[in-house]
Amino acid sequence: MIKKTEGLEAALPSRRGRQPAAKLLFAAATALSLLGSPAHAQWAVIDASNLTQNMLTAARTLQQINNQIQSLQNEAVMLENMGKNLGIRQIRLMEGSERPVPESGQQG
């Protein structure tokens, strides 16, 4: 009596015999795909709504950058003014330091 698997195994090559065949088939398919003709140009698809949305986004981004530049310029002017005010106060403090400083507990 012949088992079903014995007949099937006899009809198929051994596993060791199948691996080189599979590698050869893969190599042949790869070579043929590389030798194929180059793809021809296809129709360009332009999505007008997407293009419009991208342009609006770019315009908004540019406006935000301009606002940030203006804000930084305003902060620079503010810091310059604060520096000037601080310098004036330091001069006033230095002028006032020529007077004797009362000791603690005494009122001058």
C-alpha atoms as a PDB file:
ATOM      1  CA  MET A   1       0.000   0.000   0.000  1.00  0.00           C
ATOM      2  CA  ILE A   2       1.405   3.432  -0.980  1.00  0.00           C
ATOM      3  CA  LYS A   3       0.795   6.330   1.290  1.00  0.00           C
ATOM      4  CA  LYS A   4      -0.537   9.497  -0.321  1.00  0.00           C
ATOM      5  CA  THR A   5       2.355  11.555   1.000  1.00  0.00           C
ATOM      6  CA  GLU A   6       4.901   9.158  -0.447  1.00  0.00           C
ATOM      7  CA  GLY A   7       3.490   9.617  -3.926  1.00  0.00           C
ATOM      8  CA  LEU A   8       3.414  13.380  -3.524  1.00  0.00           C
ATOM      9  CA  GLU A   9       6.960  13.539  -2.226  1.00  0.00           C
ATOM     10  CA  ALA A  10       8.108  11.367  -5.079  1.00  0.00           C
ATOM     11  CA  ALA A  11       6.533  13.739  -7.597  1.00  0.00           C
ATOM     12  CA  LEU A  12       8.075  16.922  -6.082  1.00  0.00           C
ATOM     13  CA  PRO A  13      11.789  17.572  -5.954  1.00  0.00           C
ATOM     14  CA  SER A  14      13.415  17.528  -2.550  1.00  0.00           C
ATOM     15  CA  ARG A  15      13.636  20.723  -0.528  1.00  0.00           C
ATOM     16  CA  ARG A  16      17.303  20.923  -1.276  1.00  0.00           C
ATOM     17  CA  GLY A  17      16.551  20.747  -4.977  1.00  0.00           C
ATOM     18  CA  ARG A  18      13.848  23.457  -4.804  1.00  0.00           C
ATOM     19  CA  GLN A  19      15.993  26.198  -3.240  1.00  0.00           C
ATOM     20  CA  PRO A  20      18.418  26.675  -6.154  1.00  0.00           C
ATOM     21  CA  ALA A  21      15.492  26.636  -8.576  1.00  0.00           C
ATOM     22  CA  ALA A  22      13.705  29.338  -6.583  1.00  0.00           C
ATOM     23  CA  LYS A  23      16.847  31.446  -6.444  1.00  0.00           C
ATOM     24  CA  LEU A  24      17.348  31.042 -10.177  1.00  0.00           C
ATOM     25  CA  LEU A  25      13.729  32.009 -10.859  1.00  0.00           C
ATOM     26  CA  PHE A  26      14.046  35.091  -8.599  1.00  0.00           C
ATOM     27  CA  ALA A  27      17.291  36.140 -10.304  1.00  0.00           C
ATOM     28  CA  ALA A  28      15.714  35.726 -13.753  1.00  0.00           C
ATOM     29  CA  ALA A  29      12.652  37.775 -12.779  1.00  0.00           C
ATOM     30  CA  THR A  30      14.853  40.522 -11.318  1.00  0.00           C
ATOM     31  CA  ALA A  31      17.017  40.631 -14.449  1.00  0.00           C
ATOM     32  CA  LEU A  32      13.991  40.829 -16.726  1.00  0.00           C
ATOM     33  CA  SER A  33      12.464  43.639 -14.687  1.00  0.00           C
ATOM     34  CA  LEU A  34      15.699  45.632 -14.907  1.00  0.00           C
ATOM     35  CA  LEU A  35      15.957  45.099 -18.656  1.00  0.00           C
ATOM     36  CA  GLY A  36      12.392  46.212 -19.327  1.00  0.00           C
ATOM     37  CA  SER A  37      11.640  49.367 -21.245  1.00  0.00           C
ATOM     38  CA  PRO A  38      11.666  52.640 -19.300  1.00  0.00           C
ATOM     39  CA  ALA A  39       8.337  54.068 -18.271  1.00  0.00           C
ATOM     40  CA  HIS A  40       6.956  56.716 -20.570  1.00  0.00           C
ATOM     41  CA  ALA A  41       5.735  60.031 -19.257  1.00  0.00           C
ATOM     42  CA  GLN A  42       2.268  59.918 -17.852  1.00  0.00           C
ATOM     43  CA  TRP A  43      -0.330  62.625 -17.664  1.00  0.00           C
ATOM     44  CA  ALA A  44       0.407  65.194 -14.994  1.00  0.00           C
ATOM     45  CA  VAL A  45      -2.472  65.612 -12.577  1.00  0.00           C
ATOM     46  CA  ILE A  46      -2.857  69.030 -10.998  1.00  0.00           C
ATOM     47  CA  ASP A  47      -5.256  69.333  -8.113  1.00  0.00           C
ATOM     48  CA  ALA A  48      -6.345  72.958  -8.276  1.00  0.00           C
ATOM     49  CA  SER A  49      -7.977  72.989  -4.843  1.00  0.00           C
ATOM     50  CA  ASN A  50      -4.850  71.479  -3.231  1.00  0.00           C
ATOM     51  CA  LEU A  51      -2.641  73.997  -5.050  1.00  0.00           C
ATOM     52  CA  THR A  52      -4.861  76.866  -3.882  1.00  0.00           C
ATOM     53  CA  GLN A  53      -4.809  75.588  -0.310  1.00  0.00           C
ATOM     54  CA  ASN A  54      -1.007  75.327  -0.373  1.00  0.00           C
ATOM     55  CA  MET A  55      -0.707  78.883  -1.669  1.00  0.00           C
ATOM     56  CA  LEU A  56      -3.024  80.196   1.057  1.00  0.00           C
ATOM     57  CA  THR A  57      -1.037  78.312   3.699  1.00  0.00           C
ATOM     58  CA  ALA A  58       2.206  79.790   2.365  1.00  0.00           C
ATOM     59  CA  ALA A  59       0.718  83.316   2.431  1.00  0.00           C
ATOM     60  CA  ARG A  60      -0.486  82.863   6.026  1.00  0.00           C
ATOM     61  CA  THR A  61       2.896  81.516   7.062  1.00  0.00           C
ATOM     62  CA  LEU A  62       4.627  84.508   5.490  1.00  0.00           C
ATOM     63  CA  GLN A  63       2.270  86.866   7.345  1.00  0.00           C
ATOM     64  CA  GLN A  64       3.050  85.107  10.635  1.00  0.00           C
ATOM     65  CA  ILE A  65       6.777  85.470   9.980  1.00  0.00           C
ATOM     66  CA  ASN A  66       6.330  89.177   9.258  1.00  0.00           C
ATOM     67  CA  ASN A  67       4.355  89.561  12.493  1.00  0.00           C
ATOM     68  CA  GLN A  68       7.131  87.807  14.427  1.00  0.00           C
ATOM     69  CA  ILE A  69       9.749  90.105  12.888  1.00  0.00           C
ATOM     70  CA  GLN A  70       7.702  93.175  13.863  1.00  0.00           C
ATOM     71  CA  SER A  71       7.258  91.801  17.385  1.00  0.00           C
ATOM     72  CA  LEU A  72      11.000  91.213  17.764  1.00  0.00           C
ATOM     73  CA  GLN A  73      11.749  94.728  16.523  1.00  0.00           C
ATOM     74  CA  ASN A  74       9.295  96.146  19.072  1.00  0.00           C
ATOM     75  CA  GLU A  75      10.916  94.102  21.836  1.00  0.00           C
ATOM     76  CA  ALA A  76      14.363  95.359  20.815  1.00  0.00           C
ATOM     77  CA  VAL A  77      13.181  98.978  21.065  1.00  0.00           C
ATOM     78  CA  MET A  78      11.562  98.230  24.426  1.00  0.00           C
ATOM     79  CA  LEU A  79      14.805  96.697  25.746  1.00  0.00           C
ATOM     80  CA  GLU A  80      16.798  99.705  24.525  1.00  0.00           C
ATOM     81  CA  ASN A  81      14.409 102.039  26.332  1.00  0.00           C
ATOM     82  CA  MET A  82      14.594  99.923  29.479  1.00  0.00           C
ATOM     83  CA  GLY A  83      18.389 100.071  29.305  1.00  0.00           C
ATOM     84  CA  LYS A  84      18.312 103.849  28.964  1.00  0.00           C
ATOM     85  CA  ASN A  85      15.894 104.166  31.891  1.00  0.00           C
ATOM     86  CA  LEU A  86      18.004 101.862  34.002  1.00  0.00           C
ATOM     87  CA  GLY A  87      21.107 103.929  33.186  1.00  0.00           C
ATOM     88  CA  ILE A  88      19.353 107.136  34.224  1.00  0.00           C
ATOM     89  CA  ARG A  89      18.243 105.560  37.490  1.00  0.00           C
ATOM     90  CA  GLN A  90      21.752 104.317  38.205  1.00  0.00           C
ATOM     91  CA  ILE A  91      23.121 107.825  37.675  1.00  0.00           C
ATOM     92  CA  ARG A  92      20.479 109.246  40.040  1.00  0.00           C
ATOM     93  CA  LEU A  93      21.324 106.599  42.632  1.00  0.00           C
ATOM     94  CA  MET A  94      25.019 107.361  42.327  1.00  0.00           C
ATOM     95  CA  GLU A  95      24.360 111.081  42.755  1.00  0.00           C
ATOM     96  CA  GLY A  96      22.218 110.351  45.781  1.00  0.00           C
ATOM     97  CA  SER A  97      24.861 108.105  47.345  1.00  0.00           C
ATOM     98  CA  GLU A  98      27.078 111.084  48.088  1.00  0.00           C
ATOM     99  CA  ARG A  99      24.748 111.936  50.974  1.00  0.00           C
ATOM    100  CA  PRO A 100      25.496 110.116  54.201  1.00  0.00           C
ATOM    101  CA  VAL A 101      23.502 106.961  54.676  1.00  0.00           C
ATOM    102  CA  PRO A 102      21.695 106.885  58.055  1.00  0.00           C
ATOM    103  CA  GLU A 103      22.601 104.031  60.332  1.00  0.00           C
ATOM    104  CA  SER A 104      20.007 101.440  61.086  1.00  0.00           C
ATOM    105  CA  GLY A 105      17.539 102.449  63.762  1.00  0.00           C
ATOM    106  CA  GLN A 106      18.042 106.192  63.163  1.00  0.00           C
ATOM    107  CA  GLN A 107      15.897 108.331  60.966  1.00  0.00           C
ATOM    108  CA  GLY A 108      17.620 110.901  58.800  1.00  0.00           C
END
